[in-house]
């Protein structure tokens, strides 16, 4: 386990406010070194700390997605967690069934973690997720959002931002803005929701520690930058994710019984300013190579509108 000690030494003194839990997180690893995901994928960073927070008594539900690739081909896997593969659109239903089975067998101290991409959540999986949320199933659902159907070749999803090129919008970039999925999930009156980024693993860890103690359907929107589909160097994944938060494209916050609380870097921006424009973020990615000036302005307008609304709800 020497590689863990080296890692902790390297990050000591470099943590931002709200991320100190990284130094106190369990040394037990549930993802072994090496997996089949693309180099620079943001999913692995977050998934590592999600499993640390939830612990060994966790059953993971995974649809067809990039996470299926991470888990590998039976009988070999780098993930030390009980896992169930389900259909693309059935993650919410599969997680509901597993939760019911655990309750029936007296194992309610186990956590059911459902993890699906934006295609399997925003689009194909919304029906089973909405049903589970309406029933108040005792599950933790995570949408890891890389803003397209990345596992099948970077096709457009309703999470793809305006102006982005995908394999199904190769000539004219996507014209529609990204769906505000957190608003959709808020309509279900959930006990806990949170927006987290793989570039801020301390924030991820803290929020999952909180969520594990709450009963009912808990929903996480996880930003997971993708160098393959976004066309940026693999070394820049953490940087790109931080730029999203710093420009308030993807704010970090949580919602408990309709109360909004900003966290981490987003809380710092709300208190002291420093919100950055989206221009540098767009310029770093090849997927925006065809974005039109009017689309940039519309993108910025929508970001500003949503940020101001979030500030108002959080009391700033």
C-alpha atoms as a PDB file:
ATOM      1  CA  UNK A   1       0.000   0.000   0.000  1.00  0.00           C
ATOM      2  CA  UNK A   2       3.023   2.304  -0.322  1.00  0.00           C
ATOM      3  CA  UNK A   3       1.514   4.119  -3.290  1.00  0.00           C
ATOM      4  CA  UNK A   4      -1.243   5.458  -0.983  1.00  0.00           C
ATOM      5  CA  UNK A   5       1.276   6.944   1.462  1.00  0.00           C
ATOM      6  CA  UNK A   6       3.169   8.611  -1.398  1.00  0.00           C
ATOM      7  CA  UNK A   7      -0.035  10.095  -2.726  1.00  0.00           C
ATOM      8  CA  UNK A   8      -1.031  11.561   0.634  1.00  0.00           C
ATOM      9  CA  UNK A   9       2.401  13.117   1.043  1.00  0.00           C
ATOM     10  CA  UNK A  10       2.138  14.713  -2.392  1.00  0.00           C
ATOM     11  CA  UNK A  11      -1.232  16.363  -1.763  1.00  0.00           C
ATOM     12  CA  UNK A  12      -0.483  17.565   1.767  1.00  0.00           C
ATOM     13  CA  UNK A  13      -0.547  21.347   1.964  1.00  0.00           C
ATOM     14  CA  UNK A  14      -2.204  21.691  -1.437  1.00  0.00           C
ATOM     15  CA  UNK A  15      -5.810  21.213  -0.389  1.00  0.00           C
ATOM     16  CA  UNK A  16      -8.413  23.947  -0.716  1.00  0.00           C
ATOM     17  CA  UNK A  17     -10.851  24.837   2.040  1.00  0.00           C
ATOM     18  CA  UNK A  18     -13.400  22.066   2.534  1.00  0.00           C
ATOM     19  CA  UNK A  19     -11.112  19.319   1.218  1.00  0.00           C
ATOM     20  CA  UNK A  20      -9.198  18.396   4.381  1.00  0.00           C
ATOM     21  CA  UNK A  21     -11.206  15.168   4.600  1.00  0.00           C
ATOM     22  CA  UNK A  22      -8.872  13.773   1.921  1.00  0.00           C
ATOM     23  CA  UNK A  23      -6.125  13.453   4.512  1.00  0.00           C
ATOM     24  CA  UNK A  24      -8.468  11.662   6.876  1.00  0.00           C
ATOM     25  CA  UNK A  25     -10.161   9.401   4.347  1.00  0.00           C
ATOM     26  CA  UNK A  26      -9.769   5.641   4.841  1.00  0.00           C
ATOM     27  CA  UNK A  27      -6.648   4.039   3.419  1.00  0.00           C
ATOM     28  CA  UNK A  28      -8.730   1.080   2.246  1.00  0.00           C
ATOM     29  CA  UNK A  29      -8.912   1.220  -1.555  1.00  0.00           C
ATOM     30  CA  UNK A  30     -11.868  -0.219  -3.450  1.00  0.00           C
ATOM     31  CA  UNK A  31     -10.429   0.475  -6.906  1.00  0.00           C
ATOM     32  CA  UNK A  32      -7.123  -1.240  -7.600  1.00  0.00           C
ATOM     33  CA  UNK A  33      -4.444   0.517  -9.701  1.00  0.00           C
ATOM     34  CA  UNK A  34      -5.097   0.156 -13.421  1.00  0.00           C
ATOM     35  CA  UNK A  35      -8.381  -0.051 -15.294  1.00  0.00           C
ATOM     36  CA  UNK A  36      -9.703   0.034 -18.868  1.00  0.00           C
ATOM     37  CA  UNK A  37     -10.989   3.616 -18.952  1.00  0.00           C
ATOM     38  CA  UNK A  38      -9.374   6.234 -21.177  1.00  0.00           C
ATOM     39  CA  UNK A  39      -6.349   8.058 -19.812  1.00  0.00           C
ATOM     40  CA  UNK A  40      -7.351  11.213 -17.984  1.00  0.00           C
ATOM     41  CA  UNK A  41     -10.948  10.137 -17.296  1.00  0.00           C
ATOM     42  CA  UNK A  42     -12.502  12.103 -14.445  1.00  0.00           C
ATOM     43  CA  UNK A  43     -14.820   9.271 -13.388  1.00  0.00           C
ATOM     44  CA  UNK A  44     -12.138   7.198 -11.641  1.00  0.00           C
ATOM     45  CA  UNK A  45     -11.067  10.084  -9.396  1.00  0.00           C
ATOM     46  CA  UNK A  46     -14.559  10.621  -8.023  1.00  0.00           C
ATOM     47  CA  UNK A  47     -15.519   6.933  -7.928  1.00  0.00           C
ATOM     48  CA  UNK A  48     -12.505   6.166  -5.765  1.00  0.00           C
ATOM     49  CA  UNK A  49     -13.640   8.578  -3.046  1.00  0.00           C
ATOM     50  CA  UNK A  50     -17.319   7.675  -3.378  1.00  0.00           C
ATOM     51  CA  UNK A  51     -16.493   4.078  -2.469  1.00  0.00           C
ATOM     52  CA  UNK A  52     -14.193   5.207   0.344  1.00  0.00           C
ATOM     53  CA  UNK A  53     -17.065   7.205   1.835  1.00  0.00           C
ATOM     54  CA  UNK A  54     -19.686   4.453   1.503  1.00  0.00           C
ATOM     55  CA  UNK A  55     -17.456   1.555   2.559  1.00  0.00           C
ATOM     56  CA  UNK A  56     -17.455  -2.173   1.866  1.00  0.00           C
ATOM     57  CA  UNK A  57     -21.164  -2.734   2.492  1.00  0.00           C
ATOM     58  CA  UNK A  58     -22.118  -1.247  -0.872  1.00  0.00           C
ATOM     59  CA  UNK A  59     -23.871  -2.783  -3.870  1.00  0.00           C
ATOM     60  CA  UNK A  60     -23.255  -0.910  -7.124  1.00  0.00           C
ATOM     61  CA  UNK A  61     -25.731  -0.850 -10.037  1.00  0.00           C
ATOM     62  CA  UNK A  62     -24.155  -0.048 -13.399  1.00  0.00           C
ATOM     63  CA  UNK A  63     -25.854   0.240 -16.809  1.00  0.00           C
ATOM     64  CA  UNK A  64     -24.107   0.133 -20.180  1.00  0.00           C
ATOM     65  CA  UNK A  65     -21.685   3.011 -19.761  1.00  0.00           C
ATOM     66  CA  UNK A  66     -18.062   4.049 -19.318  1.00  0.00           C
ATOM     67  CA  UNK A  67     -18.263   2.687 -15.767  1.00  0.00           C
ATOM     68  CA  UNK A  68     -18.952  -0.764 -17.205  1.00  0.00           C
ATOM     69  CA  UNK A  69     -15.604  -0.453 -18.973  1.00  0.00           C
ATOM     70  CA  UNK A  70     -13.920   0.491 -15.690  1.00  0.00           C
ATOM     71  CA  UNK A  71     -15.363  -2.575 -13.981  1.00  0.00           C
ATOM     72  CA  UNK A  72     -13.952  -4.769 -16.732  1.00  0.00           C
ATOM     73  CA  UNK A  73     -14.890  -8.081 -18.284  1.00  0.00           C
ATOM     74  CA  UNK A  74     -15.967 -10.972 -16.048  1.00  0.00           C
ATOM     75  CA  UNK A  75     -14.286 -12.622 -14.165  1.00  0.00           C
ATOM     76  CA  UNK A  76     -11.644  -9.894 -13.783  1.00  0.00           C
ATOM     77  CA  UNK A  77     -12.292  -6.450 -12.293  1.00  0.00           C
ATOM     78  CA  UNK A  78     -10.261  -3.758 -10.493  1.00  0.00           C
ATOM     79  CA  UNK A  79     -13.298  -2.799  -8.359  1.00  0.00           C
ATOM     80  CA  UNK A  80     -13.640  -4.415  -4.940  1.00  0.00           C
ATOM     81  CA  UNK A  81     -17.392  -3.921  -4.607  1.00  0.00           C
ATOM     82  CA  UNK A  82     -20.439  -6.097  -5.227  1.00  0.00           C
ATOM     83  CA  UNK A  83     -21.753  -5.022  -8.628  1.00  0.00           C
ATOM     84  CA  UNK A  84     -24.865  -5.637 -10.714  1.00  0.00           C
ATOM     85  CA  UNK A  85     -24.960  -4.830 -14.421  1.00  0.00           C
ATOM     86  CA  UNK A  86     -28.356  -3.664 -15.615  1.00  0.00           C
ATOM     87  CA  UNK A  87     -29.951  -2.423 -18.832  1.00  0.00           C
ATOM     88  CA  UNK A  88     -29.190   1.060 -20.137  1.00  0.00           C
ATOM     89  CA  UNK A  89     -32.565   2.498 -19.106  1.00  0.00           C
ATOM     90  CA  UNK A  90     -33.143   0.382 -15.998  1.00  0.00           C
ATOM     91  CA  UNK A  91     -30.704   1.666 -13.381  1.00  0.00           C
ATOM     92  CA  UNK A  92     -33.366   3.169 -11.145  1.00  0.00           C
ATOM     93  CA  UNK A  93     -35.468   0.004 -11.322  1.00  0.00           C
ATOM     94  CA  UNK A  94     -32.520  -2.320 -10.664  1.00  0.00           C
ATOM     95  CA  UNK A  95     -31.402  -0.253  -7.676  1.00  0.00           C
ATOM     96  CA  UNK A  96     -34.977  -0.275  -6.330  1.00  0.00           C
ATOM     97  CA  UNK A  97     -35.124  -4.059  -6.523  1.00  0.00           C
ATOM     98  CA  UNK A  98     -31.786  -4.514  -4.789  1.00  0.00           C
ATOM     99  CA  UNK A  99     -32.814  -2.116  -2.027  1.00  0.00           C
ATOM    100  CA  UNK A 100     -36.023  -4.089  -1.498  1.00  0.00           C
ATOM    101  CA  UNK A 101     -34.080  -7.367  -1.401  1.00  0.00           C
ATOM    102  CA  UNK A 102     -31.646  -6.033   1.204  1.00  0.00           C
ATOM    103  CA  UNK A 103     -34.555  -4.851   3.343  1.00  0.00           C
ATOM    104  CA  UNK A 104     -36.320  -8.208   3.043  1.00  0.00           C
ATOM    105  CA  UNK A 105     -33.184 -10.063   4.148  1.00  0.00           C
ATOM    106  CA  UNK A 106     -32.415  -7.751   7.069  1.00  0.00           C
ATOM    107  CA  UNK A 107     -29.411  -6.070   5.485  1.00  0.00           C
ATOM    108  CA  UNK A 108     -30.535  -2.464   5.617  1.00  0.00           C
ATOM    109  CA  UNK A 109     -27.062  -1.422   6.809  1.00  0.00           C
ATOM    110  CA  UNK A 110     -25.901  -1.910   3.184  1.00  0.00           C
ATOM    111  CA  UNK A 111     -25.881   0.986   0.709  1.00  0.00           C
ATOM    112  CA  UNK A 112     -27.258   0.748  -2.831  1.00  0.00           C
ATOM    113  CA  UNK A 113     -25.218   2.933  -5.184  1.00  0.00           C
ATOM    114  CA  UNK A 114     -26.598   3.455  -8.692  1.00  0.00           C
ATOM    115  CA  UNK A 115     -24.163   5.081 -11.129  1.00  0.00           C
ATOM    116  CA  UNK A 116     -25.103   6.008 -14.698  1.00  0.00           C
ATOM    117  CA  UNK A 117     -23.867   8.476 -17.282  1.00  0.00           C
ATOM    118  CA  UNK A 118     -25.801  11.435 -18.612  1.00  0.00           C
ATOM    119  CA  UNK A 119     -27.166   9.384 -21.512  1.00  0.00           C
ATOM    120  CA  UNK A 120     -28.436   6.745 -19.079  1.00  0.00           C
ATOM    121  CA  UNK A 121     -29.857   9.429 -16.764  1.00  0.00           C
ATOM    122  CA  UNK A 122     -30.857  12.606 -18.612  1.00  0.00           C
ATOM    123  CA  UNK A 123     -32.234  10.579 -21.531  1.00  0.00           C
ATOM    124  CA  UNK A 124     -32.892   6.836 -21.451  1.00  0.00           C
ATOM    125  CA  UNK A 125     -32.877   6.301 -17.694  1.00  0.00           C
ATOM    126  CA  UNK A 126     -35.066   9.212 -16.623  1.00  0.00           C
ATOM    127  CA  UNK A 127     -38.237   7.089 -16.428  1.00  0.00           C
ATOM    128  CA  UNK A 128     -36.937   4.463 -13.985  1.00  0.00           C
ATOM    129  CA  UNK A 129     -35.045   7.106 -11.979  1.00  0.00           C
ATOM    130  CA  UNK A 130     -38.129   9.305 -11.664  1.00  0.00           C
ATOM    131  CA  UNK A 131     -40.176   6.306 -10.561  1.00  0.00           C
ATOM    132  CA  UNK A 132     -37.632   5.355  -7.900  1.00  0.00           C
ATOM    133  CA  UNK A 133     -37.413   8.955  -6.665  1.00  0.00           C
ATOM    134  CA  UNK A 134     -41.209   9.337  -6.520  1.00  0.00           C
ATOM    135  CA  UNK A 135     -41.455   6.173  -4.424  1.00  0.00           C
ATOM    136  CA  UNK A 136     -38.644   7.340  -2.151  1.00  0.00           C
ATOM    137  CA  UNK A 137     -36.525   4.233  -2.693  1.00  0.00           C
ATOM    138  CA  UNK A 138     -33.583   3.960  -0.297  1.00  0.00           C
ATOM    139  CA  UNK A 139     -30.817   4.398  -2.892  1.00  0.00           C
ATOM    140  CA  UNK A 140     -27.998   6.771  -3.777  1.00  0.00           C
ATOM    141  CA  UNK A 141     -28.143   7.640  -7.477  1.00  0.00           C
ATOM    142  CA  UNK A 142     -25.170   9.278  -9.190  1.00  0.00           C
ATOM    143  CA  UNK A 143     -25.269  10.746 -12.670  1.00  0.00           C
ATOM    144  CA  UNK A 144     -21.665  11.076 -13.776  1.00  0.00           C
ATOM    145  CA  UNK A 145     -21.935  13.704 -16.457  1.00  0.00           C
ATOM    146  CA  UNK A 146     -19.426  13.815 -19.316  1.00  0.00           C
ATOM    147  CA  UNK A 147     -21.920  15.605 -21.537  1.00  0.00           C
ATOM    148  CA  UNK A 148     -22.407  13.012 -24.283  1.00  0.00           C
ATOM    149  CA  UNK A 149     -22.756   9.277 -24.935  1.00  0.00           C
ATOM    150  CA  UNK A 150     -19.004   8.808 -24.545  1.00  0.00           C
ATOM    151  CA  UNK A 151     -18.909   5.015 -24.254  1.00  0.00           C
ATOM    152  CA  UNK A 152     -20.414   4.584 -27.735  1.00  0.00           C
ATOM    153  CA  UNK A 153     -18.482   7.282 -29.558  1.00  0.00           C
ATOM    154  CA  UNK A 154     -19.349  10.763 -28.241  1.00  0.00           C
ATOM    155  CA  UNK A 155     -22.901  11.127 -29.534  1.00  0.00           C
ATOM    156  CA  UNK A 156     -25.000  14.115 -28.484  1.00  0.00           C
ATOM    157  CA  UNK A 157     -27.113  13.832 -25.320  1.00  0.00           C
ATOM    158  CA  UNK A 158     -29.437  16.338 -23.675  1.00  0.00           C
ATOM    159  CA  UNK A 159     -26.518  17.097 -21.329  1.00  0.00           C
ATOM    160  CA  UNK A 160     -24.328  18.277 -24.234  1.00  0.00           C
ATOM    161  CA  UNK A 161     -23.837  22.066 -24.023  1.00  0.00           C
ATOM    162  CA  UNK A 162     -24.765  24.493 -26.778  1.00  0.00           C
ATOM    163  CA  UNK A 163     -22.040  24.915 -29.407  1.00  0.00           C
ATOM    164  CA  UNK A 164     -20.370  21.539 -28.879  1.00  0.00           C
ATOM    165  CA  UNK A 165     -19.420  19.244 -31.752  1.00  0.00           C
ATOM    166  CA  UNK A 166     -20.262  15.550 -31.331  1.00  0.00           C
ATOM    167  CA  UNK A 167     -20.283  12.582 -33.717  1.00  0.00           C
ATOM    168  CA  UNK A 168     -24.010  13.157 -34.294  1.00  0.00           C
ATOM    169  CA  UNK A 169     -23.606  16.941 -34.645  1.00  0.00           C
ATOM    170  CA  UNK A 170     -20.349  16.980 -36.665  1.00  0.00           C
ATOM    171  CA  UNK A 171     -21.128  19.794 -39.112  1.00  0.00           C
ATOM    172  CA  UNK A 172     -23.335  22.164 -37.151  1.00  0.00           C
ATOM    173  CA  UNK A 173     -22.633  22.148 -33.395  1.00  0.00           C
ATOM    174  CA  UNK A 174     -25.475  21.453 -30.955  1.00  0.00           C
ATOM    175  CA  UNK A 175     -28.013  24.273 -30.938  1.00  0.00           C
ATOM    176  CA  UNK A 176     -29.898  23.530 -27.717  1.00  0.00           C
ATOM    177  CA  UNK A 177     -28.635  24.377 -24.211  1.00  0.00           C
ATOM    178  CA  UNK A 178     -27.890  21.690 -21.652  1.00  0.00           C
ATOM    179  CA  UNK A 179     -30.869  20.324 -19.732  1.00  0.00           C
ATOM    180  CA  UNK A 180     -31.061  21.534 -16.120  1.00  0.00           C
ATOM    181  CA  UNK A 181     -31.440  18.102 -14.579  1.00  0.00           C
ATOM    182  CA  UNK A 182     -31.100  19.191 -10.966  1.00  0.00           C
ATOM    183  CA  UNK A 183     -34.344  21.145 -11.373  1.00  0.00           C
ATOM    184  CA  UNK A 184     -36.067  18.017 -12.614  1.00  0.00           C
ATOM    185  CA  UNK A 185     -34.882  16.025  -9.613  1.00  0.00           C
ATOM    186  CA  UNK A 186     -35.846  18.797  -7.201  1.00  0.00           C
ATOM    187  CA  UNK A 187     -39.438  18.344  -8.352  1.00  0.00           C
ATOM    188  CA  UNK A 188     -39.359  14.948  -6.605  1.00  0.00           C
ATOM    189  CA  UNK A 189     -38.829  16.543  -3.144  1.00  0.00           C
ATOM    190  CA  UNK A 190     -35.795  14.420  -2.302  1.00  0.00           C
ATOM    191  CA  UNK A 191     -34.226  14.513   1.168  1.00  0.00           C
ATOM    192  CA  UNK A 192     -30.746  15.188  -0.241  1.00  0.00           C
ATOM    193  CA  UNK A 193     -29.213  16.273  -3.559  1.00  0.00           C
ATOM    194  CA  UNK A 194     -25.722  17.496  -4.389  1.00  0.00           C
ATOM    195  CA  UNK A 195     -23.625  18.744  -7.289  1.00  0.00           C
ATOM    196  CA  UNK A 196     -20.016  17.528  -7.144  1.00  0.00           C
ATOM    197  CA  UNK A 197     -16.967  17.568  -9.405  1.00  0.00           C
ATOM    198  CA  UNK A 198     -14.237  14.976  -9.878  1.00  0.00           C
ATOM    199  CA  UNK A 199     -11.735  17.855  -9.666  1.00  0.00           C
ATOM    200  CA  UNK A 200     -12.711  18.407  -6.017  1.00  0.00           C
ATOM    201  CA  UNK A 201     -12.552  14.908  -4.475  1.00  0.00           C
ATOM    202  CA  UNK A 202     -12.653  16.264  -0.915  1.00  0.00           C
ATOM    203  CA  UNK A 203     -16.047  17.815  -1.629  1.00  0.00           C
ATOM    204  CA  UNK A 204     -17.160  14.496  -3.137  1.00  0.00           C
ATOM    205  CA  UNK A 205     -16.028  12.538  -0.083  1.00  0.00           C
ATOM    206  CA  UNK A 206     -17.670  14.887   2.433  1.00  0.00           C
ATOM    207  CA  UNK A 207     -21.034  14.891   0.655  1.00  0.00           C
ATOM    208  CA  UNK A 208     -21.169  11.118   0.311  1.00  0.00           C
ATOM    209  CA  UNK A 209     -20.353  10.750   4.012  1.00  0.00           C
ATOM    210  CA  UNK A 210     -23.399  12.919   4.696  1.00  0.00           C
ATOM    211  CA  UNK A 211     -25.598  11.100   2.172  1.00  0.00           C
ATOM    212  CA  UNK A 212     -24.875   7.655   3.609  1.00  0.00           C
ATOM    213  CA  UNK A 213     -26.595   8.648   6.859  1.00  0.00           C
ATOM    214  CA  UNK A 214     -29.774   9.826   5.111  1.00  0.00           C
ATOM    215  CA  UNK A 215     -32.638   7.524   4.149  1.00  0.00           C
ATOM    216  CA  UNK A 216     -34.612   7.742   0.925  1.00  0.00           C
ATOM    217  CA  UNK A 217     -33.543   8.624  -2.612  1.00  0.00           C
ATOM    218  CA  UNK A 218     -30.409  10.724  -2.706  1.00  0.00           C
ATOM    219  CA  UNK A 219     -29.256  12.192  -6.013  1.00  0.00           C
ATOM    220  CA  UNK A 220     -25.784  13.352  -7.067  1.00  0.00           C
ATOM    221  CA  UNK A 221     -24.896  15.243 -10.221  1.00  0.00           C
ATOM    222  CA  UNK A 222     -21.201  14.552 -10.808  1.00  0.00           C
ATOM    223  CA  UNK A 223     -19.186  16.554 -13.328  1.00  0.00           C
ATOM    224  CA  UNK A 224     -16.654  14.192 -14.955  1.00  0.00           C
ATOM    225  CA  UNK A 225     -14.573  15.827 -17.735  1.00  0.00           C
ATOM    226  CA  UNK A 226     -13.733  13.568 -20.681  1.00  0.00           C
ATOM    227  CA  UNK A 227     -10.519  14.227 -22.677  1.00  0.00           C
ATOM    228  CA  UNK A 228     -11.598  11.841 -25.444  1.00  0.00           C
ATOM    229  CA  UNK A 229     -14.933  13.486 -26.146  1.00  0.00           C
ATOM    230  CA  UNK A 230     -14.023  17.049 -25.166  1.00  0.00           C
ATOM    231  CA  UNK A 231     -10.727  17.035 -27.098  1.00  0.00           C
ATOM    232  CA  UNK A 232      -8.195  18.299 -24.576  1.00  0.00           C
ATOM    233  CA  UNK A 233      -4.863  16.829 -23.332  1.00  0.00           C
ATOM    234  CA  UNK A 234      -5.296  14.036 -20.788  1.00  0.00           C
ATOM    235  CA  UNK A 235      -3.129  15.886 -18.256  1.00  0.00           C
ATOM    236  CA  UNK A 236      -5.685  18.718 -18.044  1.00  0.00           C
ATOM    237  CA  UNK A 237      -8.691  16.823 -16.642  1.00  0.00           C
ATOM    238  CA  UNK A 238      -8.486  18.300 -13.144  1.00  0.00           C
ATOM    239  CA  UNK A 239      -7.778  21.750 -14.578  1.00  0.00           C
ATOM    240  CA  UNK A 240     -10.789  21.602 -16.908  1.00  0.00           C
ATOM    241  CA  UNK A 241     -13.059  20.499 -14.067  1.00  0.00           C
ATOM    242  CA  UNK A 242     -11.864  23.355 -11.875  1.00  0.00           C
ATOM    243  CA  UNK A 243     -12.419  25.836 -14.704  1.00  0.00           C
ATOM    244  CA  UNK A 244     -16.051  24.686 -14.912  1.00  0.00           C
ATOM    245  CA  UNK A 245     -16.528  25.461 -11.235  1.00  0.00           C
ATOM    246  CA  UNK A 246     -14.569  28.739 -11.321  1.00  0.00           C
ATOM    247  CA  UNK A 247     -16.694  29.993 -14.233  1.00  0.00           C
ATOM    248  CA  UNK A 248     -19.849  28.820 -12.400  1.00  0.00           C
ATOM    249  CA  UNK A 249     -20.736  26.551 -15.314  1.00  0.00           C
ATOM    250  CA  UNK A 250     -20.960  23.779 -12.748  1.00  0.00           C
ATOM    251  CA  UNK A 251     -21.370  25.167  -9.208  1.00  0.00           C
ATOM    252  CA  UNK A 252     -20.796  22.968  -6.174  1.00  0.00           C
ATOM    253  CA  UNK A 253     -23.785  22.878  -3.855  1.00  0.00           C
ATOM    254  CA  UNK A 254     -26.264  20.703  -1.988  1.00  0.00           C
ATOM    255  CA  UNK A 255     -30.015  20.771  -1.491  1.00  0.00           C
ATOM    256  CA  UNK A 256     -31.576  19.500   1.735  1.00  0.00           C
ATOM    257  CA  UNK A 257     -35.342  19.778   2.102  1.00  0.00           C
ATOM    258  CA  UNK A 258     -35.342  22.631  -0.442  1.00  0.00           C
ATOM    259  CA  UNK A 259     -32.522  24.496   1.353  1.00  0.00           C
ATOM    260  CA  UNK A 260     -29.589  25.337  -0.941  1.00  0.00           C
ATOM    261  CA  UNK A 261     -26.035  25.506   0.433  1.00  0.00           C
ATOM    262  CA  UNK A 262     -23.015  26.351  -1.688  1.00  0.00           C
ATOM    263  CA  UNK A 263     -19.829  24.437  -0.896  1.00  0.00           C
ATOM    264  CA  UNK A 264     -16.094  24.594  -1.527  1.00  0.00           C
ATOM    265  CA  UNK A 265     -14.914  26.850  -4.332  1.00  0.00           C
ATOM    266  CA  UNK A 266     -18.450  27.932  -5.202  1.00  0.00           C
ATOM    267  CA  UNK A 267     -19.003  29.132  -1.639  1.00  0.00           C
ATOM    268  CA  UNK A 268     -15.757  31.087  -1.851  1.00  0.00           C
ATOM    269  CA  UNK A 269     -16.883  32.751  -5.108  1.00  0.00           C
ATOM    270  CA  UNK A 270     -20.246  33.642  -3.589  1.00  0.00           C
ATOM    271  CA  UNK A 271     -18.599  35.265  -0.576  1.00  0.00           C
ATOM    272  CA  UNK A 272     -15.726  37.134  -2.177  1.00  0.00           C
ATOM    273  CA  UNK A 273     -16.317  37.131  -5.941  1.00  0.00           C
ATOM    274  CA  UNK A 274     -13.839  35.921  -8.544  1.00  0.00           C
ATOM    275  CA  UNK A 275     -16.296  34.319 -10.951  1.00  0.00           C
ATOM    276  CA  UNK A 276     -14.495  33.825 -14.274  1.00  0.00           C
ATOM    277  CA  UNK A 277     -15.891  34.130 -17.828  1.00  0.00           C
ATOM    278  CA  UNK A 278     -16.403  30.976 -19.870  1.00  0.00           C
ATOM    279  CA  UNK A 279     -14.040  32.011 -22.696  1.00  0.00           C
ATOM    280  CA  UNK A 280     -10.869  30.250 -21.480  1.00  0.00           C
ATOM    281  CA  UNK A 281     -12.812  27.101 -20.658  1.00  0.00           C
ATOM    282  CA  UNK A 282     -14.248  26.974 -24.187  1.00  0.00           C
ATOM    283  CA  UNK A 283     -10.916  27.775 -25.826  1.00  0.00           C
ATOM    284  CA  UNK A 284      -9.207  24.742 -24.224  1.00  0.00           C
ATOM    285  CA  UNK A 285     -11.509  22.174 -25.848  1.00  0.00           C
ATOM    286  CA  UNK A 286     -11.643  21.000 -29.438  1.00  0.00           C
ATOM    287  CA  UNK A 287     -15.338  20.183 -29.188  1.00  0.00           C
ATOM    288  CA  UNK A 288     -16.062  23.937 -29.260  1.00  0.00           C
ATOM    289  CA  UNK A 289     -14.013  24.580 -32.399  1.00  0.00           C
ATOM    290  CA  UNK A 290     -17.136  25.424 -34.407  1.00  0.00           C
ATOM    291  CA  UNK A 291     -19.044  27.342 -31.742  1.00  0.00           C
ATOM    292  CA  UNK A 292     -20.495  30.596 -33.039  1.00  0.00           C
ATOM    293  CA  UNK A 293     -20.039  33.970 -31.271  1.00  0.00           C
ATOM    294  CA  UNK A 294     -23.767  34.195 -30.605  1.00  0.00           C
ATOM    295  CA  UNK A 295     -23.681  30.715 -29.071  1.00  0.00           C
ATOM    296  CA  UNK A 296     -20.865  31.785 -26.745  1.00  0.00           C
ATOM    297  CA  UNK A 297     -22.945  34.760 -25.648  1.00  0.00           C
ATOM    298  CA  UNK A 298     -25.992  32.554 -25.095  1.00  0.00           C
ATOM    299  CA  UNK A 299     -23.878  30.034 -23.148  1.00  0.00           C
ATOM    300  CA  UNK A 300     -22.557  32.840 -20.910  1.00  0.00           C
ATOM    301  CA  UNK A 301     -26.019  34.347 -20.456  1.00  0.00           C
ATOM    302  CA  UNK A 302     -27.437  31.013 -19.319  1.00  0.00           C
ATOM    303  CA  UNK A 303     -24.526  30.408 -16.929  1.00  0.00           C
ATOM    304  CA  UNK A 304     -24.991  33.874 -15.412  1.00  0.00           C
ATOM    305  CA  UNK A 305     -28.752  33.409 -15.083  1.00  0.00           C
ATOM    306  CA  UNK A 306     -28.462  30.055 -13.328  1.00  0.00           C
ATOM    307  CA  UNK A 307     -25.663  31.293 -11.044  1.00  0.00           C
ATOM    308  CA  UNK A 308     -27.636  34.348  -9.969  1.00  0.00           C
ATOM    309  CA  UNK A 309     -30.663  32.174  -9.241  1.00  0.00           C
ATOM    310  CA  UNK A 310     -28.529  29.815  -7.184  1.00  0.00           C
ATOM    311  CA  UNK A 311     -27.007  32.724  -5.240  1.00  0.00           C
ATOM    312  CA  UNK A 312     -30.463  34.039  -4.430  1.00  0.00           C
ATOM    313  CA  UNK A 313     -31.620  30.656  -3.145  1.00  0.00           C
ATOM    314  CA  UNK A 314     -28.460  30.293  -1.041  1.00  0.00           C
ATOM    315  CA  UNK A 315     -28.977  33.748   0.475  1.00  0.00           C
ATOM    316  CA  UNK A 316     -26.238  35.743  -1.298  1.00  0.00           C
END
